PDB file of N, CA and C in Angstrom:
ATOM      1  N   MET A   1     151.390 167.093 -78.641  1.00  0.00           N
ATOM      2  CA  MET A   1     152.149 166.024 -78.178  1.00  0.00           C
ATOM      3  C   MET A   1     153.356 166.610 -77.428  1.00  0.00           C
ATOM      4  N   THR A   2     153.706 166.064 -76.230  1.00  0.00           N
ATOM      5  CA  THR A   2     154.914 166.748 -75.555  1.00  0.00           C
ATOM      6  C   THR A   2     156.110 166.129 -76.097  1.00  0.00           C
ATOM      7  N   LYS A   3     157.246 166.766 -75.646  1.00  0.00           N
ATOM      8  CA  LYS A   3     158.536 166.387 -76.060  1.00  0.00           C
ATOM      9  C   LYS A   3     158.776 165.141 -75.508  1.00  0.00           C
ATOM     10  N   ASP A   4     158.600 164.667 -74.309  1.00  0.00           N
ATOM     11  CA  ASP A   4     158.790 163.461 -73.725  1.00  0.00           C
ATOM     12  C   ASP A   4     158.048 162.243 -74.531  1.00  0.00           C
ATOM     13  N   ILE A   5     156.854 162.541 -74.913  1.00  0.00           N
ATOM     14  CA  ILE A   5     156.189 161.595 -75.650  1.00  0.00           C
ATOM     15  C   ILE A   5     156.811 161.300 -77.033  1.00  0.00           C
ATOM     16  N   GLN A   6     157.176 162.440 -77.564  1.00  0.00           N
ATOM     17  CA  GLN A   6     157.733 162.212 -78.993  1.00  0.00           C
ATOM     18  C   GLN A   6     159.123 161.428 -78.923  1.00  0.00           C
ATOM     19  N   GLU A   7     159.835 161.702 -77.840  1.00  0.00           N
ATOM     20  CA  GLU A   7     161.075 160.863 -77.671  1.00  0.00           C
ATOM     21  C   GLU A   7     161.023 159.458 -77.448  1.00  0.00           C
ATOM     22  N   TRP A   8     159.948 158.973 -76.653  1.00  0.00           N
ATOM     23  CA  TRP A   8     159.732 157.551 -76.542  1.00  0.00           C
ATOM     24  C   TRP A   8     159.043 157.047 -77.894  1.00  0.00           C
ATOM     25  N   PHE A   9     158.333 157.679 -78.527  1.00  0.00           N
ATOM     26  CA  PHE A   9     157.582 157.337 -79.546  1.00  0.00           C
ATOM     27  C   PHE A   9     158.561 157.024 -80.793  1.00  0.00           C
ATOM     28  N   LEU A  10     159.608 157.966 -80.919  1.00  0.00           N
ATOM     29  CA  LEU A  10     160.620 157.826 -82.072  1.00  0.00           C
ATOM     30  C   LEU A  10     161.636 156.816 -81.907  1.00  0.00           C
ATOM     31  N   MET A  11     161.743 156.165 -80.824  1.00  0.00           N
ATOM     32  CA  MET A  11     162.718 155.071 -80.755  1.00  0.00           C
ATOM     33  C   MET A  11     162.596 154.084 -81.813  1.00  0.00           C
ATOM     34  N   PRO A  12     163.721 153.453 -82.183  1.00  0.00           N
ATOM     35  CA  PRO A  12     163.807 152.724 -83.377  1.00  0.00           C
ATOM     36  C   PRO A  12     162.847 151.296 -83.457  1.00  0.00           C
ATOM     37  N   SER A  13     162.663 150.959 -82.340  1.00  0.00           N
ATOM     38  CA  SER A  13     161.772 149.552 -82.223  1.00  0.00           C
ATOM     39  C   SER A  13     160.808 149.764 -81.225  1.00  0.00           C
ATOM     40  N   ILE A  14     159.714 148.918 -81.368  1.00  0.00           N
ATOM     41  CA  ILE A  14     158.625 148.989 -80.303  1.00  0.00           C
ATOM     42  C   ILE A  14     159.077 148.619 -78.865  1.00  0.00           C
ATOM     43  N   LYS A  15     159.986 147.590 -78.891  1.00  0.00           N
ATOM     44  CA  LYS A  15     160.602 147.247 -77.560  1.00  0.00           C
ATOM     45  C   LYS A  15     161.402 148.486 -76.943  1.00  0.00           C
ATOM     46  N   GLU A  16     162.139 149.077 -77.648  1.00  0.00           N
ATOM     47  CA  GLU A  16     162.902 150.333 -77.130  1.00  0.00           C
ATOM     48  C   GLU A  16     161.938 151.367 -76.896  1.00  0.00           C
ATOM     49  N   CYS A  17     160.973 151.568 -77.641  1.00  0.00           N
ATOM     50  CA  CYS A  17     159.713 152.541 -77.266  1.00  0.00           C
ATOM     51  C   CYS A  17     159.298 152.341 -75.888  1.00  0.00           C
ATOM     52  N   LEU A  18     158.802 151.074 -75.733  1.00  0.00           N
ATOM     53  CA  LEU A  18     158.310 150.663 -74.408  1.00  0.00           C
ATOM     54  C   LEU A  18     159.406 150.786 -73.193  1.00  0.00           C
ATOM     55  N   ALA A  19     160.622 150.496 -73.488  1.00  0.00           N
ATOM     56  CA  ALA A  19     161.659 150.729 -72.500  1.00  0.00           C
ATOM     57  C   ALA A  19     161.802 152.285 -72.086  1.00  0.00           C
ATOM     58  N   GLU A  20     161.717 153.036 -73.154  1.00  0.00           N
ATOM     59  CA  GLU A  20     161.822 154.537 -72.848  1.00  0.00           C
ATOM     60  C   GLU A  20     160.635 155.066 -72.218  1.00  0.00           C
ATOM     61  N   TYR A  21     159.456 154.496 -72.532  1.00  0.00           N
ATOM     62  CA  TYR A  21     158.033 154.887 -71.956  1.00  0.00           C
ATOM     63  C   TYR A  21     158.252 154.605 -70.381  1.00  0.00           C
ATOM     64  N   GLU A  22     158.648 153.455 -70.103  1.00  0.00           N
ATOM     65  CA  GLU A  22     158.689 153.188 -68.700  1.00  0.00           C
ATOM     66  C   GLU A  22     159.779 153.969 -68.013  1.00  0.00           C
ATOM     67  N   LYS A  23     161.018 154.007 -68.644  1.00  0.00           N
ATOM     68  CA  LYS A  23     162.090 154.935 -68.175  1.00  0.00           C
ATOM     69  C   LYS A  23     161.755 156.257 -67.784  1.00  0.00           C
ATOM     70  N   GLN A  24     160.984 156.941 -68.631  1.00  0.00           N
ATOM     71  CA  GLN A  24     160.470 158.318 -68.343  1.00  0.00           C
ATOM     72  C   GLN A  24     159.206 158.367 -67.484  1.00  0.00           C
ATOM     73  N   GLU A  25     158.894 157.202 -66.899  1.00  0.00           N
ATOM     74  CA  GLU A  25     157.894 157.053 -65.869  1.00  0.00           C
ATOM     75  C   GLU A  25     156.451 157.565 -66.414  1.00  0.00           C
ATOM     76  N   LEU A  26     156.224 157.258 -67.722  1.00  0.00           N
ATOM     77  CA  LEU A  26     154.928 157.735 -68.382  1.00  0.00           C
ATOM     78  C   LEU A  26     153.909 156.525 -68.004  1.00  0.00           C
ATOM     79  N   GLY A  27     154.394 155.432 -67.662  1.00  0.00           N
ATOM     80  CA  GLY A  27     153.639 154.248 -67.413  1.00  0.00           C
ATOM     81  C   GLY A  27     154.488 152.961 -67.290  1.00  0.00           C
ATOM     82  N   LEU A  28     153.800 151.883 -67.018  1.00  0.00           N
ATOM     83  CA  LEU A  28     154.501 150.601 -66.922  1.00  0.00           C
ATOM     84  C   LEU A  28     154.218 149.537 -68.024  1.00  0.00           C
ATOM     85  N   ILE A  29     155.243 148.944 -68.364  1.00  0.00           N
ATOM     86  CA  ILE A  29     155.076 147.942 -69.478  1.00  0.00           C
ATOM     87  C   ILE A  29     154.095 146.850 -68.895  1.00  0.00           C
ATOM     88  N   SER A  30     154.186 146.455 -67.574  1.00  0.00           N
ATOM     89  CA  SER A  30     153.399 145.408 -66.990  1.00  0.00           C
ATOM     90  C   SER A  30     151.857 145.888 -67.084  1.00  0.00           C
ATOM     91  N   ASP A  31     151.560 147.134 -66.954  1.00  0.00           N
ATOM     92  CA  ASP A  31     150.197 147.543 -67.213  1.00  0.00           C
ATOM     93  C   ASP A  31     149.615 147.275 -68.454  1.00  0.00           C
ATOM     94  N   ILE A  32     150.563 147.673 -69.458  1.00  0.00           N
ATOM     95  CA  ILE A  32     150.132 147.404 -70.902  1.00  0.00           C
ATOM     96  C   ILE A  32     150.018 145.856 -71.128  1.00  0.00           C
ATOM     97  N   ALA A  33     150.766 145.182 -70.719  1.00  0.00           N
ATOM     98  CA  ALA A  33     150.743 143.644 -70.750  1.00  0.00           C
ATOM     99  C   ALA A  33     149.482 143.080 -70.207  1.00  0.00           C
ATOM    100  N   LYS A  34     149.157 143.629 -68.977  1.00  0.00           N
ATOM    101  CA  LYS A  34     147.914 142.994 -68.423  1.00  0.00           C
ATOM    102  C   LYS A  34     146.734 143.812 -68.861  1.00  0.00           C
ATOM    103  N   HIS A  35     146.624 144.950 -69.057  1.00  0.00           N
ATOM    104  CA  HIS A  35     145.362 145.678 -69.406  1.00  0.00           C
ATOM    105  C   HIS A  35     145.171 146.045 -70.830  1.00  0.00           C
ATOM    106  N   GLY A  36     146.206 146.149 -71.592  1.00  0.00           N
ATOM    107  CA  GLY A  36     146.053 146.520 -72.771  1.00  0.00           C
ATOM    108  C   GLY A  36     146.273 147.999 -73.045  1.00  0.00           C
ATOM    109  N   CYS A  37     146.183 148.502 -74.311  1.00  0.00           N
ATOM    110  CA  CYS A  37     146.241 149.902 -74.613  1.00  0.00           C
ATOM    111  C   CYS A  37     144.920 150.629 -74.423  1.00  0.00           C
ATOM    112  N   SER A  38     143.927 149.949 -74.553  1.00  0.00           N
ATOM    113  CA  SER A  38     142.564 150.587 -74.460  1.00  0.00           C
ATOM    114  C   SER A  38     142.380 151.266 -73.106  1.00  0.00           C
ATOM    115  N   GLY A  39     143.111 150.825 -72.092  1.00  0.00           N
ATOM    116  CA  GLY A  39     142.859 151.428 -70.678  1.00  0.00           C
ATOM    117  C   GLY A  39     143.760 152.715 -70.624  1.00  0.00           C
ATOM    118  N   GLY A  40     144.515 152.997 -71.715  1.00  0.00           N
ATOM    119  CA  GLY A  40     145.142 154.412 -71.831  1.00  0.00           C
ATOM    120  C   GLY A  40     146.560 154.343 -71.778  1.00  0.00           C
ATOM    121  N   VAL A  41     147.265 154.645 -72.654  1.00  0.00           N
ATOM    122  CA  VAL A  41     148.736 154.596 -72.850  1.00  0.00           C
ATOM    123  C   VAL A  41     149.126 156.099 -73.351  1.00  0.00           C
ATOM    124  N   SER A  42     149.710 156.889 -72.601  1.00  0.00           N
ATOM    125  CA  SER A  42     150.099 158.137 -72.787  1.00  0.00           C
ATOM    126  C   SER A  42     150.975 158.061 -74.097  1.00  0.00           C
ATOM    127  N   GLY A  43     150.316 158.770 -75.212  1.00  0.00           N
ATOM    128  CA  GLY A  43     151.101 158.920 -76.575  1.00  0.00           C
ATOM    129  C   GLY A  43     150.430 157.920 -77.539  1.00  0.00           C
ATOM    130  N   LEU A  44     149.492 157.052 -77.158  1.00  0.00           N
ATOM    131  CA  LEU A  44     148.919 156.300 -78.036  1.00  0.00           C
ATOM    132  C   LEU A  44     147.335 156.228 -77.718  1.00  0.00           C
ATOM    133  N   THR A  45     146.793 157.264 -77.530  1.00  0.00           N
ATOM    134  CA  THR A  45     145.381 157.427 -77.038  1.00  0.00           C
ATOM    135  C   THR A  45     144.596 157.770 -78.277  1.00  0.00           C
ATOM    136  N   TYR A  46     145.006 158.925 -78.984  1.00  0.00           N
ATOM    137  CA  TYR A  46     144.251 159.521 -80.154  1.00  0.00           C
ATOM    138  C   TYR A  46     144.689 158.943 -81.524  1.00  0.00           C
ATOM    139  N   TYR A  47     143.787 158.840 -82.541  1.00  0.00           N
ATOM    140  CA  TYR A  47     144.039 158.362 -83.710  1.00  0.00           C
ATOM    141  C   TYR A  47     145.368 159.002 -84.401  1.00  0.00           C
ATOM    142  N   ASN A  48     145.540 160.403 -84.214  1.00  0.00           N
ATOM    143  CA  ASN A  48     146.745 160.992 -84.808  1.00  0.00           C
ATOM    144  C   ASN A  48     148.017 160.588 -84.206  1.00  0.00           C
ATOM    145  N   GLU A  49     147.857 160.046 -82.828  1.00  0.00           N
ATOM    146  CA  GLU A  49     149.106 159.437 -82.241  1.00  0.00           C
ATOM    147  C   GLU A  49     149.275 157.994 -82.766  1.00  0.00           C
ATOM    148  N   THR A  50     148.274 157.212 -82.853  1.00  0.00           N
ATOM    149  CA  THR A  50     148.435 155.781 -83.426  1.00  0.00           C
ATOM    150  C   THR A  50     148.855 155.711 -84.722  1.00  0.00           C
ATOM    151  N   THR A  51     148.184 156.534 -85.582  1.00  0.00           N
ATOM    152  CA  THR A  51     148.509 156.430 -86.961  1.00  0.00           C
ATOM    153  C   THR A  51     150.030 156.900 -87.196  1.00  0.00           C
ATOM    154  N   SER A  52     150.588 157.897 -86.399  1.00  0.00           N
ATOM    155  CA  SER A  52     151.875 158.232 -86.479  1.00  0.00           C
ATOM    156  C   SER A  52     152.797 157.064 -86.228  1.00  0.00           C
ATOM    157  N   PHE A  53     152.543 156.526 -84.982  1.00  0.00           N
ATOM    158  CA  PHE A  53     153.246 155.349 -84.534  1.00  0.00           C
ATOM    159  C   PHE A  53     153.238 154.213 -85.395  1.00  0.00           C
ATOM    160  N   TYR A  54     152.127 154.019 -86.199  1.00  0.00           N
ATOM    161  CA  TYR A  54     151.918 152.879 -87.092  1.00  0.00           C
ATOM    162  C   TYR A  54     153.018 153.435 -88.324  1.00  0.00           C
ATOM    163  N   ASP A  55     152.902 154.481 -88.820  1.00  0.00           N
ATOM    164  CA  ASP A  55     153.750 154.932 -89.988  1.00  0.00           C
ATOM    165  C   ASP A  55     155.199 154.786 -89.611  1.00  0.00           C
ATOM    166  N   GLN A  56     155.563 155.136 -88.405  1.00  0.00           N
ATOM    167  CA  GLN A  56     157.016 154.823 -87.899  1.00  0.00           C
ATOM    168  C   GLN A  56     157.528 153.499 -87.788  1.00  0.00           C
ATOM    169  N   HIS A  57     156.535 152.592 -87.386  1.00  0.00           N
ATOM    170  CA  HIS A  57     156.876 151.261 -87.044  1.00  0.00           C
ATOM    171  C   HIS A  57     156.114 150.156 -87.930  1.00  0.00           C
ATOM    172  N   GLU A  58     155.803 150.642 -89.152  1.00  0.00           N
ATOM    173  CA  GLU A  58     154.967 149.803 -90.024  1.00  0.00           C
ATOM    174  C   GLU A  58     155.564 148.389 -90.309  1.00  0.00           C
ATOM    175  N   THR A  59     156.730 148.298 -90.594  1.00  0.00           N
ATOM    176  CA  THR A  59     157.364 147.015 -90.942  1.00  0.00           C
ATOM    177  C   THR A  59     157.335 146.047 -89.643  1.00  0.00           C
ATOM    178  N   GLU A  60     157.750 146.657 -88.496  1.00  0.00           N
ATOM    179  CA  GLU A  60     157.765 145.785 -87.346  1.00  0.00           C
ATOM    180  C   GLU A  60     156.499 145.455 -86.857  1.00  0.00           C
ATOM    181  N   ILE A  61     155.408 146.186 -87.025  1.00  0.00           N
ATOM    182  CA  ILE A  61     154.099 145.817 -86.688  1.00  0.00           C
ATOM    183  C   ILE A  61     153.704 144.670 -87.465  1.00  0.00           C
ATOM    184  N   TRP A  62     153.825 144.652 -88.806  1.00  0.00           N
ATOM    185  CA  TRP A  62     153.313 143.407 -89.639  1.00  0.00           C
ATOM    186  C   TRP A  62     154.275 142.320 -89.429  1.00  0.00           C
ATOM    187  N   SER A  63     155.527 142.435 -88.977  1.00  0.00           N
ATOM    188  CA  SER A  63     156.342 141.266 -88.480  1.00  0.00           C
ATOM    189  C   SER A  63     155.714 140.605 -87.272  1.00  0.00           C
ATOM    190  N   ILE A  64     155.258 141.480 -86.319  1.00  0.00           N
ATOM    191  CA  ILE A  64     154.600 140.893 -85.188  1.00  0.00           C
ATOM    192  C   ILE A  64     153.424 140.312 -85.359  1.00  0.00           C
ATOM    193  N   LEU A  65     152.589 140.731 -86.349  1.00  0.00           N
ATOM    194  CA  LEU A  65     151.389 140.087 -86.776  1.00  0.00           C
ATOM    195  C   LEU A  65     151.637 138.772 -87.393  1.00  0.00           C
ATOM    196  N   THR A  66     152.675 138.781 -88.395  1.00  0.00           N
ATOM    197  CA  THR A  66     153.014 137.492 -89.025  1.00  0.00           C
ATOM    198  C   THR A  66     153.528 136.391 -88.110  1.00  0.00           C
ATOM    199  N   ASP A  67     154.333 136.809 -87.009  1.00  0.00           N
ATOM    200  CA  ASP A  67     154.878 135.948 -85.907  1.00  0.00           C
ATOM    201  C   ASP A  67     153.646 135.369 -85.132  1.00  0.00           C
ATOM    202  N   ALA A  68     152.652 136.240 -84.829  1.00  0.00           N
ATOM    203  CA  ALA A  68     151.558 135.843 -84.180  1.00  0.00           C
ATOM    204  C   ALA A  68     150.562 134.873 -84.843  1.00  0.00           C
ATOM    205  N   ALA A  69     150.519 135.032 -86.105  1.00  0.00           N
ATOM    206  CA  ALA A  69     149.696 134.222 -87.005  1.00  0.00           C
ATOM    207  C   ALA A  69     150.289 132.856 -87.047  1.00  0.00           C
ATOM    208  N   ASP A  70     151.713 132.823 -87.309  1.00  0.00           N
ATOM    209  CA  ASP A  70     152.585 131.602 -87.406  1.00  0.00           C
ATOM    210  C   ASP A  70     152.302 130.785 -86.163  1.00  0.00           C
ATOM    211  N   ALA A  71     152.459 131.489 -84.997  1.00  0.00           N
ATOM    212  CA  ALA A  71     152.406 130.858 -83.727  1.00  0.00           C
ATOM    213  C   ALA A  71     150.950 130.218 -83.599  1.00  0.00           C
ATOM    214  N   ALA A  72     149.933 130.840 -84.115  1.00  0.00           N
ATOM    215  CA  ALA A  72     148.638 130.343 -83.936  1.00  0.00           C
ATOM    216  C   ALA A  72     148.254 129.441 -84.940  1.00  0.00           C
ATOM    217  N   GLY A  73     149.020 129.309 -85.929  1.00  0.00           N
ATOM    218  CA  GLY A  73     148.731 128.329 -87.125  1.00  0.00           C
ATOM    219  C   GLY A  73     147.803 128.790 -87.979  1.00  0.00           C
ATOM    220  N   ILE A  74     147.567 130.244 -88.108  1.00  0.00           N
ATOM    221  CA  ILE A  74     146.577 130.791 -89.008  1.00  0.00           C
ATOM    222  C   ILE A  74     147.191 131.676 -89.974  1.00  0.00           C
ATOM    223  N   ARG A  75     146.480 132.098 -91.008  1.00  0.00           N
ATOM    224  CA  ARG A  75     147.131 132.959 -92.067  1.00  0.00           C
ATOM    225  C   ARG A  75     146.901 134.312 -91.613  1.00  0.00           C
ATOM    226  N   ASN A  76     147.762 135.232 -92.160  1.00  0.00           N
ATOM    227  CA  ASN A  76     147.908 136.573 -91.662  1.00  0.00           C
ATOM    228  C   ASN A  76     146.410 137.305 -91.788  1.00  0.00           C
ATOM    229  N   GLY A  77     145.759 137.014 -92.862  1.00  0.00           N
ATOM    230  CA  GLY A  77     144.433 137.546 -92.990  1.00  0.00           C
ATOM    231  C   GLY A  77     143.435 137.360 -91.811  1.00  0.00           C
ATOM    232  N   LEU A  78     143.526 136.073 -91.454  1.00  0.00           N
ATOM    233  CA  LEU A  78     142.556 135.723 -90.313  1.00  0.00           C
ATOM    234  C   LEU A  78     143.098 136.473 -89.034  1.00  0.00           C
ATOM    235  N   MET A  79     144.485 136.480 -88.862  1.00  0.00           N
ATOM    236  CA  MET A  79     144.944 137.279 -87.578  1.00  0.00           C
ATOM    237  C   MET A  79     144.556 138.664 -87.751  1.00  0.00           C
ATOM    238  N   LEU A  80     144.717 139.196 -88.922  1.00  0.00           N
ATOM    239  CA  LEU A  80     144.319 140.700 -89.092  1.00  0.00           C
ATOM    240  C   LEU A  80     142.862 140.892 -88.786  1.00  0.00           C
ATOM    241  N   PHE A  81     141.888 139.864 -89.206  1.00  0.00           N
ATOM    242  CA  PHE A  81     140.612 139.884 -88.805  1.00  0.00           C
ATOM    243  C   PHE A  81     140.293 139.837 -87.279  1.00  0.00           C
ATOM    244  N   ASN A  82     141.144 139.004 -86.582  1.00  0.00           N
ATOM    245  CA  ASN A  82     141.105 138.873 -85.204  1.00  0.00           C
ATOM    246  C   ASN A  82     141.510 140.281 -84.485  1.00  0.00           C
ATOM    247  N   ILE A  83     142.330 140.949 -85.118  1.00  0.00           N
ATOM    248  CA  ILE A  83     142.837 142.280 -84.473  1.00  0.00           C
ATOM    249  C   ILE A  83     141.838 143.276 -84.829  1.00  0.00           C
ATOM    250  N   CYS A  84     141.340 143.306 -85.981  1.00  0.00           N
ATOM    251  CA  CYS A  84     140.375 144.534 -86.196  1.00  0.00           C
ATOM    252  C   CYS A  84     139.167 143.944 -86.917  1.00  0.00           C
ATOM    253  N   LYS A  85     138.115 143.656 -86.302  1.00  0.00           N
ATOM    254  CA  LYS A  85     136.875 143.053 -86.811  1.00  0.00           C
ATOM    255  C   LYS A  85     136.185 143.825 -87.793  1.00  0.00           C
ATOM    256  N   ASN A  86     136.247 145.187 -87.602  1.00  0.00           N
ATOM    257  CA  ASN A  86     135.515 146.015 -88.368  1.00  0.00           C
ATOM    258  C   ASN A  86     136.207 147.445 -88.725  1.00  0.00           C
ATOM    259  N   PRO A  87     137.150 147.223 -89.666  1.00  0.00           N
ATOM    260  CA  PRO A  87     137.989 148.342 -90.051  1.00  0.00           C
ATOM    261  C   PRO A  87     137.327 149.376 -91.026  1.00  0.00           C
ATOM    262  N   PHE A  88     136.514 150.176 -90.458  1.00  0.00           N
ATOM    263  CA  PHE A  88     135.668 151.010 -91.257  1.00  0.00           C
ATOM    264  C   PHE A  88     136.481 152.208 -91.764  1.00  0.00           C
ATOM    265  N   SER A  89     137.797 152.234 -91.447  1.00  0.00           N
ATOM    266  CA  SER A  89     138.709 153.102 -92.132  1.00  0.00           C
ATOM    267  C   SER A  89     140.092 152.681 -91.956  1.00  0.00           C
ATOM    268  N   LEU A  90     141.108 153.337 -92.780  1.00  0.00           N
ATOM    269  CA  LEU A  90     142.466 152.964 -92.637  1.00  0.00           C
ATOM    270  C   LEU A  90     142.929 153.364 -91.325  1.00  0.00           C
ATOM    271  N   THR A  91     142.472 154.474 -90.772  1.00  0.00           N
ATOM    272  CA  THR A  91     142.876 154.979 -89.525  1.00  0.00           C
ATOM    273  C   THR A  91     142.569 153.977 -88.280  1.00  0.00           C
ATOM    274  N   THR A  92     141.355 153.428 -88.436  1.00  0.00           N
ATOM    275  CA  THR A  92     140.843 152.369 -87.455  1.00  0.00           C
ATOM    276  C   THR A  92     141.762 151.190 -87.537  1.00  0.00           C
ATOM    277  N   LEU A  93     142.046 150.714 -88.668  1.00  0.00           N
ATOM    278  CA  LEU A  93     142.933 149.614 -88.798  1.00  0.00           C
ATOM    279  C   LEU A  93     144.378 149.887 -88.180  1.00  0.00           C
ATOM    280  N   LYS A  94     144.836 150.908 -88.627  1.00  0.00           N
ATOM    281  CA  LYS A  94     146.210 151.336 -87.973  1.00  0.00           C
ATOM    282  C   LYS A  94     146.237 151.450 -86.573  1.00  0.00           C
ATOM    283  N   ASN A  95     145.017 151.980 -85.898  1.00  0.00           N
ATOM    284  CA  ASN A  95     145.004 152.132 -84.485  1.00  0.00           C
ATOM    285  C   ASN A  95     144.908 150.761 -83.959  1.00  0.00           C
ATOM    286  N   ASP A  96     144.267 149.833 -84.388  1.00  0.00           N
ATOM    287  CA  ASP A  96     144.067 148.412 -83.828  1.00  0.00           C
ATOM    288  C   ASP A  96     145.375 147.669 -83.999  1.00  0.00           C
ATOM    289  N   MET A  97     146.024 147.902 -85.004  1.00  0.00           N
ATOM    290  CA  MET A  97     147.324 147.199 -85.259  1.00  0.00           C
ATOM    291  C   MET A  97     148.385 147.617 -84.355  1.00  0.00           C
ATOM    292  N   VAL A  98     148.352 149.009 -84.188  1.00  0.00           N
ATOM    293  CA  VAL A  98     149.389 149.555 -83.156  1.00  0.00           C
ATOM    294  C   VAL A  98     149.077 148.974 -81.744  1.00  0.00           C
ATOM    295  N   TRP A  99     147.911 149.132 -81.376  1.00  0.00           N
ATOM    296  CA  TRP A  99     147.508 148.427 -80.069  1.00  0.00           C
ATOM    297  C   TRP A  99     147.883 147.096 -79.856  1.00  0.00           C
ATOM    298  N   PHE A 100     147.593 146.196 -80.886  1.00  0.00           N
ATOM    299  CA  PHE A 100     147.894 144.941 -80.916  1.00  0.00           C
ATOM    300  C   PHE A 100     149.512 144.715 -80.846  1.00  0.00           C
ATOM    301  N   ALA A 101     150.269 145.209 -81.656  1.00  0.00           N
ATOM    302  CA  ALA A 101     151.766 145.142 -81.607  1.00  0.00           C
ATOM    303  C   ALA A 101     152.324 145.628 -80.280  1.00  0.00           C
ATOM    304  N   VAL A 102     151.806 146.835 -79.786  1.00  0.00           N
ATOM    305  CA  VAL A 102     152.418 147.308 -78.496  1.00  0.00           C
ATOM    306  C   VAL A 102     152.057 146.427 -77.368  1.00  0.00           C
ATOM    307  N   GLU A 103     150.831 145.815 -77.351  1.00  0.00           N
ATOM    308  CA  GLU A 103     150.378 144.865 -76.329  1.00  0.00           C
ATOM    309  C   GLU A 103     151.189 143.517 -76.434  1.00  0.00           C
ATOM    310  N   ALA A 104     151.346 143.124 -77.658  1.00  0.00           N
ATOM    311  CA  ALA A 104     152.166 141.772 -77.805  1.00  0.00           C
ATOM    312  C   ALA A 104     153.543 141.930 -77.461  1.00  0.00           C
ATOM    313  N   THR A 105     154.163 143.074 -77.702  1.00  0.00           N
ATOM    314  CA  THR A 105     155.487 143.352 -77.349  1.00  0.00           C
ATOM    315  C   THR A 105     155.665 143.560 -75.736  1.00  0.00           C
ATOM    316  N   ALA A 106     154.730 144.199 -75.190  1.00  0.00           N
ATOM    317  CA  ALA A 106     154.792 144.356 -73.712  1.00  0.00           C
ATOM    318  C   ALA A 106     154.588 143.006 -73.070  1.00  0.00           C
ATOM    319  N   GLN A 107     153.730 142.144 -73.602  1.00  0.00           N
ATOM    320  CA  GLN A 107     153.475 140.936 -72.932  1.00  0.00           C
ATOM    321  C   GLN A 107     154.762 139.940 -73.155  1.00  0.00           C
ATOM    322  N   ALA A 108     155.468 140.035 -74.260  1.00  0.00           N
ATOM    323  CA  ALA A 108     156.656 139.405 -74.463  1.00  0.00           C
ATOM    324  C   ALA A 108     157.799 139.863 -73.597  1.00  0.00           C
ATOM    325  N   LEU A 109     157.804 141.123 -73.293  1.00  0.00           N
ATOM    326  CA  LEU A 109     158.847 141.638 -72.305  1.00  0.00           C
ATOM    327  C   LEU A 109     158.595 141.237 -70.973  1.00  0.00           C
ATOM    328  N   GLU A 110     157.223 141.229 -70.615  1.00  0.00           N
ATOM    329  CA  GLU A 110     156.898 140.772 -69.226  1.00  0.00           C
ATOM    330  C   GLU A 110     157.167 139.345 -69.139  1.00  0.00           C
ATOM    331  N   ASP A 111     156.905 138.605 -70.118  1.00  0.00           N
ATOM    332  CA  ASP A 111     157.238 137.136 -69.934  1.00  0.00           C
ATOM    333  C   ASP A 111     158.777 136.779 -69.704  1.00  0.00           C
ATOM    334  N   ALA A 112     159.601 137.671 -70.494  1.00  0.00           N
ATOM    335  CA  ALA A 112     161.060 137.648 -70.375  1.00  0.00           C
ATOM    336  C   ALA A 112     161.452 138.067 -68.961  1.00  0.00           C
ATOM    337  N   ARG A 113     160.869 138.998 -68.438  1.00  0.00           N
ATOM    338  CA  ARG A 113     161.120 139.453 -66.998  1.00  0.00           C
ATOM    339  C   ARG A 113     160.849 138.429 -66.039  1.00  0.00           C
ATOM    340  N   GLU A 114     159.582 137.876 -66.171  1.00  0.00           N
ATOM    341  CA  GLU A 114     159.108 136.785 -65.422  1.00  0.00           C
ATOM    342  C   GLU A 114     160.056 135.466 -65.393  1.00  0.00           C
ATOM    343  N   GLY A 115     160.515 135.212 -66.605  1.00  0.00           N
ATOM    344  CA  GLY A 115     161.445 134.249 -66.890  1.00  0.00           C
ATOM    345  C   GLY A 115     162.884 134.301 -66.206  1.00  0.00           C
ATOM    346  N   SER A 116     163.339 135.602 -66.232  1.00  0.00           N
ATOM    347  CA  SER A 116     164.588 135.998 -65.553  1.00  0.00           C
ATOM    348  C   SER A 116     164.368 135.840 -63.952  1.00  0.00           C
ATOM    349  N   VAL A 117     163.299 136.118 -63.545  1.00  0.00           N
ATOM    350  CA  VAL A 117     163.030 136.207 -62.052  1.00  0.00           C
ATOM    351  C   VAL A 117     162.897 134.768 -61.564  1.00  0.00           C
ATOM    352  N   ALA A 118     162.273 133.881 -62.336  1.00  0.00           N
ATOM    353  CA  ALA A 118     162.024 132.508 -61.973  1.00  0.00           C
ATOM    354  C   ALA A 118     163.349 131.682 -62.003  1.00  0.00           C
ATOM    355  N   ARG A 119     164.353 132.093 -62.754  1.00  0.00           N
ATOM    356  CA  ARG A 119     165.662 131.449 -62.875  1.00  0.00           C
ATOM    357  C   ARG A 119     166.591 131.848 -61.794  1.00  0.00           C
ATOM    358  N   CYS A 120     166.239 132.897 -61.137  1.00  0.00           N
ATOM    359  CA  CYS A 120     167.245 133.270 -60.012  1.00  0.00           C
ATOM    360  C   CYS A 120     167.040 132.495 -58.878  1.00  0.00           C
TER     361      CYS A 120
END
């Protein structure tokens, strides 16, 4: 892992991580919002990266999952099933949850940006 990726990875919140990710020109939040993490996000590609990210942001990831479940009117367990249909290991589950939380955060940030532009 390079120093730049470690720096954006270690920000205190996922929102701040994404802002730093874009600031360092590693990628665009809009790309994550549109295409998801499976298209390749520098620093969230390999299991060792996503599990470390999960461990760093576990509480926030579960909060994002709970908020999404509440918004959909479903229980957390069903939301978790929708995120990771076949968790054959804890590593796979963590990976899928990280990608979900990062994608949801990127989409929220993009929605906020578009809302700001529409009000101008």
